[in-house]
Amino acid sequence: MFPCGSMDLLFTPQVRPESSGLAIIHHSMYVCELPANHRFPMAKFPRVLHFLLQDQVITEKQVWVPEIASKELLSGVHTEGYLNNFISGRIDEKEQRRTGFPWSKGIVRRCRYETGGTVLAAEVALQRGLACSTAGGTHHAFPSYGSGFCLLNDLAVAGKYLMNSSSRNRKVLIVDLDVHQGDGTAFIFKDEPSVFTFSVHCGKNFPLHKQQSDLDISIEDGLEDKEYLFTVADHLPWLMESFRPDLVLYDAGIDPHWEDELGRLRLTDQGLYQRDFYVMKTVVSRGVPIATVIGGGYSKDIDKLARRHSIVHRAATQVWRECGM
């Protein structure tokens, strides 16, 4: 249903009989050590997979393991100087404050595996129509610097690689529904006609200085499920028809949730499920492959947060069944 054409796949994923279900992309190296009481909820990544398995949403056979993103792959988006400094640890205190992370070999490794996971999710989606990572969505990273808990822009790396890795330029639509504008992604693709960036975000939230996406929908604090879902539904179908993408990358950030520490919107768990199901069903029903990443979500209750991040995988499982994939 979703042939790869003549694409030379980076990770050459093979469709195995025992992995015929929805592909879930996960690596144990999606995590690293952080200082005690650090604000970023690093422990959520393995717990997302844990709850998907525990609740029998997926089986172990559905889990695909990515390779680490090579420097060559990352250089499609990031500057050589930044990559050299980031990988080797030549990151000064000012830069570390801007990203929110102290530098370590572990943070470099996790970001590279996370980016590899997003690329693999996109590649598998091109084969099978739909695939979901248990990480990703680091949309604040710019070509030459990191920002806002984002050090490598996985969406941009995947988009650039998949755009260029076929005999004709693939058209990539990036649907970013994280509560924060994907400013790094917007900047990276501002002059790239083969990539369309669509962001629905809280206008008064981070980043203070927004970039210009191809389509920005700035929404007010306190927006609830019904109005939010109407906003998405008012734009996505005509974007699919007018831009006609070959691939959609979907950032399913859960920080629009009413309980999120950094959110300022009022979505519920059910609202997030409806949002994710709608986006994926809208895309898949048009015969376009879609890869999802989990985006932002912030809470001190790691298990509650991880379950909320697993909403996109649960919705994807329903789409997979309903569409007979």
Protein backbone atom coordinates (compact mmCIF):
# COMPACT_ATOMS: atom_id res chain seq x y z
CA MET A 1 0.00 0.00 0.00
CA PHE A 2 2.86 2.36 0.77
CA PRO A 3 5.80 1.40 -1.51
CA CYS A 4 9.24 2.87 -0.87
CA GLY A 5 10.03 3.31 -4.56
CA SER A 6 13.72 3.64 -5.31
CA MET A 7 14.66 5.08 -1.93
CA ASP A 8 17.99 3.97 -0.47
CA LEU A 9 17.00 3.47 3.16
CA LEU A 10 19.41 4.59 5.84
CA PHE A 11 18.58 1.73 8.22
CA THR A 12 17.16 -0.72 5.61
CA PRO A 13 14.30 -1.86 7.87
CA GLN A 14 12.88 -5.19 6.79
CA VAL A 15 9.18 -5.98 7.16
CA ARG A 16 9.24 -9.15 9.23
CA PRO A 17 6.17 -11.43 9.45
CA GLU A 18 6.27 -11.30 13.23
CA SER A 19 6.23 -7.49 13.21
CA SER A 20 3.16 -7.04 11.03
CA GLY A 21 1.48 -4.69 13.52
CA LEU A 22 1.98 -0.99 14.07
CA ALA A 23 5.72 -0.26 14.36
CA ILE A 24 6.80 1.37 17.64
CA ILE A 25 10.31 2.84 17.49
CA HIS A 26 12.16 2.70 20.80
CA HIS A 27 15.71 2.55 22.14
CA SER A 28 16.89 2.08 25.71
CA MET A 29 19.36 4.91 25.05
CA TYR A 30 16.56 7.48 24.73
CA VAL A 31 17.48 8.34 28.34
CA CYS A 32 20.55 9.65 30.15
CA GLU A 33 21.55 10.79 33.61
CA LEU A 34 20.57 14.32 34.69
CA PRO A 35 21.30 16.19 37.93
CA ALA A 36 18.89 15.48 40.79
CA ASN A 37 15.64 17.48 40.62
CA HIS A 38 16.25 18.57 37.03
CA ARG A 39 13.08 19.97 35.46
CA PHE A 40 13.16 17.79 32.34
CA PRO A 41 11.28 14.49 32.90
CA MET A 42 13.91 12.20 31.35
CA ALA A 43 12.48 9.07 32.98
CA LYS A 44 9.30 9.26 30.92
CA PHE A 45 10.71 7.61 27.78
CA PRO A 46 11.08 4.02 29.00
CA ARG A 47 7.80 4.32 30.91
CA VAL A 48 5.92 5.10 27.68
CA LEU A 49 6.98 1.74 26.28
CA HIS A 50 6.36 0.05 29.64
CA PHE A 51 2.70 1.13 29.72
CA LEU A 52 2.10 0.24 26.08
CA LEU A 53 3.32 -3.29 26.82
CA GLN A 54 1.68 -3.57 30.24
CA ASP A 55 -1.70 -2.45 28.91
CA GLN A 56 -1.33 -4.85 25.96
CA VAL A 57 -1.65 -2.03 23.44
CA ILE A 58 1.37 -3.53 21.65
CA THR A 59 3.62 -6.59 21.89
CA GLU A 60 7.39 -6.81 22.04
CA LYS A 61 7.39 -7.94 18.39
CA GLN A 62 6.17 -4.51 17.33
CA VAL A 63 9.20 -2.70 18.74
CA TRP A 64 11.81 -1.55 16.23
CA VAL A 65 15.24 -0.41 17.46
CA PRO A 66 16.93 2.49 15.65
CA GLU A 67 20.61 3.02 15.01
CA ILE A 68 22.41 6.10 16.30
CA ALA A 69 22.19 9.09 13.97
CA SER A 70 25.50 9.59 12.20
CA LYS A 71 27.26 12.93 12.07
CA GLU A 72 26.76 12.87 8.30
CA LEU A 73 23.01 12.52 8.74
CA LEU A 74 22.90 15.34 11.29
CA SER A 75 24.95 17.61 9.03
CA GLY A 76 22.00 17.78 6.65
CA VAL A 77 20.54 20.29 9.12
CA HIS A 78 23.18 21.28 11.68
CA THR A 79 26.41 23.19 11.05
CA GLU A 80 29.74 21.41 11.23
CA GLY A 81 30.94 23.77 13.94
CA TYR A 82 27.94 23.14 16.15
CA LEU A 83 28.11 19.37 15.71
CA ASN A 84 31.83 19.30 16.49
CA ASN A 85 31.32 21.36 19.65
CA PHE A 86 28.23 19.46 20.75
CA ILE A 87 29.71 16.00 20.27
CA SER A 88 33.08 16.87 21.86
CA GLY A 89 31.67 18.90 24.76
CA ARG A 90 32.90 22.36 23.83
CA ILE A 91 29.63 23.91 25.02
CA ASP A 92 29.97 26.91 27.33
CA GLU A 93 27.74 27.73 30.30
CA LYS A 94 25.68 30.29 28.39
CA GLU A 95 24.81 27.72 25.74
CA GLN A 96 23.99 25.13 28.41
CA ARG A 97 21.61 27.60 30.09
CA ARG A 98 19.87 28.23 26.76
CA THR A 99 19.29 24.51 26.22
CA GLY A 100 18.45 23.75 29.85
CA PHE A 101 20.85 20.79 29.90
CA PRO A 102 24.34 20.34 31.33
CA TRP A 103 26.57 18.79 28.67
CA SER A 104 27.52 15.11 29.01
CA LYS A 105 28.44 12.23 26.74
CA GLY A 106 25.13 10.71 27.76
CA ILE A 107 23.07 13.66 26.53
CA VAL A 108 24.86 13.52 23.18
CA ARG A 109 24.21 9.80 22.86
CA ARG A 110 20.51 10.03 23.77
CA CYS A 111 19.87 12.90 21.34
CA ARG A 112 21.53 11.01 18.51
CA TYR A 113 19.52 7.84 19.20
CA GLU A 114 16.34 9.91 19.50
CA THR A 115 17.02 11.50 16.10
CA GLY A 116 17.79 8.09 14.63
CA GLY A 117 14.44 6.93 16.00
CA THR A 118 12.54 9.71 14.25
CA VAL A 119 14.28 8.98 10.96
CA LEU A 120 13.52 5.27 11.30
CA ALA A 121 9.86 6.02 12.12
CA ALA A 122 9.63 8.07 8.93
CA GLU A 123 11.29 5.32 6.87
CA VAL A 124 9.01 2.61 8.25
CA ALA A 125 5.97 4.87 7.69
CA LEU A 126 6.94 5.16 4.03
CA GLN A 127 6.87 1.36 3.83
CA ARG A 128 3.80 0.68 5.95
CA GLY A 129 1.78 3.88 6.19
CA LEU A 130 2.15 4.65 9.91
CA ALA A 131 4.88 4.37 12.56
CA CYS A 132 5.37 5.93 16.00
CA SER A 133 8.46 6.75 18.04
CA THR A 134 8.43 6.84 21.83
CA ALA A 135 10.54 10.01 21.80
CA GLY A 136 11.29 12.94 19.47
CA GLY A 137 9.89 16.36 18.74
CA THR A 138 12.94 18.51 19.60
CA HIS A 139 11.72 21.40 17.50
CA HIS A 140 13.51 24.30 19.23
CA ALA A 141 16.98 23.29 17.99
CA PHE A 142 18.44 25.57 15.31
CA PRO A 143 21.21 24.73 12.81
CA SER A 144 23.97 26.22 14.98
CA TYR A 145 22.61 26.03 18.52
CA GLY A 146 20.21 24.26 20.85
CA SER A 147 17.39 25.81 22.85
CA GLY A 148 14.54 24.90 25.20
CA PHE A 149 15.49 21.27 26.01
CA CYS A 150 16.23 20.65 22.31
CA LEU A 151 19.79 19.94 21.14
CA LEU A 152 19.31 18.26 17.76
CA ASN A 153 16.24 18.94 15.61
CA ASP A 154 15.06 15.39 14.91
CA LEU A 155 12.04 16.46 12.85
CA ALA A 156 14.19 18.63 10.61
CA VAL A 157 16.86 15.93 10.21
CA ALA A 158 14.22 13.37 9.26
CA GLY A 159 12.44 15.79 6.95
CA LYS A 160 15.61 16.84 5.16
CA TYR A 161 16.86 13.26 4.78
CA LEU A 162 13.59 11.84 3.49
CA MET A 163 13.08 14.83 1.21
CA ASN A 164 16.41 14.21 -0.49
CA SER A 165 16.60 10.42 -0.46
CA SER A 166 14.43 9.60 -3.46
CA SER A 167 14.78 10.17 -7.19
CA ARG A 168 12.40 13.11 -6.87
CA ASN A 169 12.17 15.50 -3.96
CA ARG A 170 9.55 14.23 -1.55
CA LYS A 171 7.19 16.84 -0.17
CA VAL A 172 7.07 16.73 3.63
CA LEU A 173 4.36 18.29 5.80
CA ILE A 174 5.35 18.85 9.44
CA VAL A 175 2.29 19.08 11.68
CA ASP A 176 3.41 20.49 15.03
CA LEU A 177 0.73 20.46 17.73
CA ASP A 178 3.09 20.86 20.68
CA VAL A 179 1.93 23.81 22.81
CA HIS A 180 5.15 25.67 21.94
CA GLN A 181 5.87 26.91 18.44
CA GLY A 182 8.41 24.81 16.55
CA ASP A 183 10.66 27.80 15.98
CA GLY A 184 13.82 25.88 15.07
CA THR A 185 11.97 23.76 12.51
CA ALA A 186 10.28 26.84 11.02
CA PHE A 187 13.64 28.61 10.66
CA ILE A 188 15.38 25.60 9.12
CA PHE A 189 12.76 25.17 6.39
CA LYS A 190 11.77 28.83 5.82
CA ASP A 191 13.18 28.81 2.26
CA GLU A 192 12.46 25.16 1.41
CA PRO A 193 9.40 24.76 -0.85
CA SER A 194 9.39 20.96 -0.48
CA VAL A 195 8.69 21.19 3.27
CA PHE A 196 5.58 22.84 4.74
CA THR A 197 5.64 23.69 8.45
CA PHE A 198 2.26 23.92 10.23
CA SER A 199 2.22 24.92 13.90
CA VAL A 200 -0.71 25.31 16.28
CA HIS A 201 0.63 26.77 19.52
CA CYS A 202 -0.13 28.96 22.52
CA GLY A 203 0.79 32.46 21.43
CA LYS A 204 1.84 33.69 24.87
CA ASN A 205 4.05 30.69 25.61
CA PHE A 206 7.72 29.94 24.86
CA PRO A 207 9.49 30.93 22.66
CA LEU A 208 9.07 34.65 23.31
CA HIS A 209 10.28 35.52 19.81
CA LYS A 210 8.51 33.31 17.28
CA GLN A 211 9.81 32.34 13.85
CA GLN A 212 7.53 32.27 10.83
CA SER A 213 6.20 28.84 9.92
CA ASP A 214 4.48 28.32 6.59
CA LEU A 215 1.27 28.37 8.62
CA ASP A 216 1.14 29.51 12.24
CA ILE A 217 -2.07 29.31 14.27
CA SER A 218 -1.58 31.21 17.52
CA ILE A 219 -4.20 30.36 20.12
CA GLU A 220 -5.12 32.01 23.41
CA ASP A 221 -4.47 30.72 26.91
CA GLY A 222 -7.16 28.44 28.32
CA LEU A 223 -8.47 26.98 25.04
CA GLU A 224 -10.42 23.75 25.66
CA ASP A 225 -10.97 20.54 23.69
CA LYS A 226 -13.83 21.54 21.39
CA GLU A 227 -12.36 24.82 20.18
CA TYR A 228 -8.88 23.35 19.83
CA LEU A 229 -10.10 20.38 17.76
CA PHE A 230 -12.15 22.71 15.57
CA THR A 231 -9.01 24.78 14.92
CA VAL A 232 -7.03 21.73 13.79
CA ALA A 233 -9.91 20.39 11.67
CA ASP A 234 -10.34 23.79 10.05
CA HIS A 235 -6.84 23.68 8.57
CA LEU A 236 -5.46 20.15 8.17
CA PRO A 237 -7.74 18.84 5.38
CA TRP A 238 -7.16 21.77 3.06
CA LEU A 239 -3.42 21.62 3.77
CA MET A 240 -3.41 17.98 2.73
CA GLU A 241 -5.30 18.84 -0.47
CA SER A 242 -3.34 21.97 -1.40
CA PHE A 243 0.23 20.94 -0.46
CA ARG A 244 -0.26 17.23 -1.29
CA PRO A 245 2.60 15.85 0.85
CA ASP A 246 4.36 12.54 0.26
CA LEU A 247 5.00 12.20 4.01
CA VAL A 248 3.68 13.78 7.20
CA LEU A 249 5.76 14.15 10.36
CA TYR A 250 3.50 14.69 13.37
CA ASP A 251 4.64 16.21 16.67
CA ALA A 252 1.97 15.05 19.14
CA GLY A 253 3.11 17.12 22.12
CA ILE A 254 0.89 16.60 25.18
CA ASP A 255 1.74 19.94 26.78
CA PRO A 256 -1.61 21.49 25.67
CA HIS A 257 -3.06 19.38 28.53
CA TRP A 258 -4.68 21.27 31.40
CA GLU A 259 -2.38 19.64 33.97
CA ASP A 260 0.86 20.33 32.11
CA GLU A 261 3.37 22.44 34.04
CA LEU A 262 4.40 24.46 30.95
CA GLY A 263 1.18 24.40 28.91
CA ARG A 264 -1.42 27.15 29.58
CA LEU A 265 -4.12 25.39 27.54
CA ARG A 266 -7.01 23.24 28.85
CA LEU A 267 -7.12 20.02 26.83
CA THR A 268 -8.11 16.75 28.51
CA ASP A 269 -6.81 13.23 27.93
CA GLN A 270 -9.86 12.57 25.74
CA GLY A 271 -9.20 15.76 23.80
CA LEU A 272 -5.61 14.69 23.11
CA TYR A 273 -6.82 11.26 21.96
CA GLN A 274 -9.39 12.82 19.64
CA ARG A 275 -6.75 15.21 18.27
CA ASP A 276 -4.22 12.46 17.58
CA PHE A 277 -6.79 10.09 16.09
CA TYR A 278 -8.15 12.85 13.85
CA VAL A 279 -4.72 13.88 12.54
CA MET A 280 -3.60 10.33 11.76
CA LYS A 281 -6.93 9.22 10.28
CA THR A 282 -7.11 12.34 8.10
CA VAL A 283 -3.63 11.67 6.72
CA VAL A 284 -3.81 7.86 6.36
CA SER A 285 -7.26 7.95 4.72
CA ARG A 286 -5.69 9.99 1.90
CA GLY A 287 -3.03 7.34 1.31
CA VAL A 288 -0.24 9.48 2.79
CA PRO A 289 2.24 7.93 5.27
CA ILE A 290 2.66 9.54 8.68
CA ALA A 291 5.33 9.18 11.39
CA THR A 292 4.68 10.45 14.91
CA VAL A 293 6.88 11.72 17.75
CA ILE A 294 5.77 12.42 21.31
CA GLY A 295 6.83 16.07 21.68
CA GLY A 296 6.70 17.98 24.94
CA GLY A 297 5.01 17.09 28.19
CA TYR A 298 5.96 18.19 31.70
CA SER A 299 4.93 16.81 35.09
CA LYS A 300 6.62 15.57 38.23
CA ASP A 301 4.33 12.51 38.11
CA ILE A 302 6.34 10.48 35.61
CA ASP A 303 3.88 7.59 35.32
CA LYS A 304 0.92 9.86 34.67
CA LEU A 305 3.01 11.77 32.13
CA ALA A 306 4.17 8.60 30.36
CA ARG A 307 0.62 7.27 30.11
CA ARG A 308 -0.44 10.59 28.60
CA HIS A 309 2.40 10.44 26.07
CA SER A 310 1.19 6.95 25.10
CA ILE A 311 -2.12 8.41 23.92
CA VAL A 312 -0.73 8.93 20.42
CA HIS A 313 0.33 5.26 20.21
CA ARG A 314 -3.09 4.13 21.42
CA ALA A 315 -4.81 6.34 18.87
CA ALA A 316 -2.41 5.08 16.18
CA THR A 317 -3.31 1.49 17.07
CA GLN A 318 -6.99 2.32 16.53
CA VAL A 319 -6.24 4.00 13.18
CA TRP A 320 -4.16 0.97 12.16
CA ARG A 321 -7.10 -1.35 12.89
CA GLU A 322 -9.81 0.80 11.35
CA CYS A 323 -7.86 1.37 8.16
CA GLY A 324 -6.98 -2.31 7.80
CA MET A 325 -3.27 -1.61 7.68
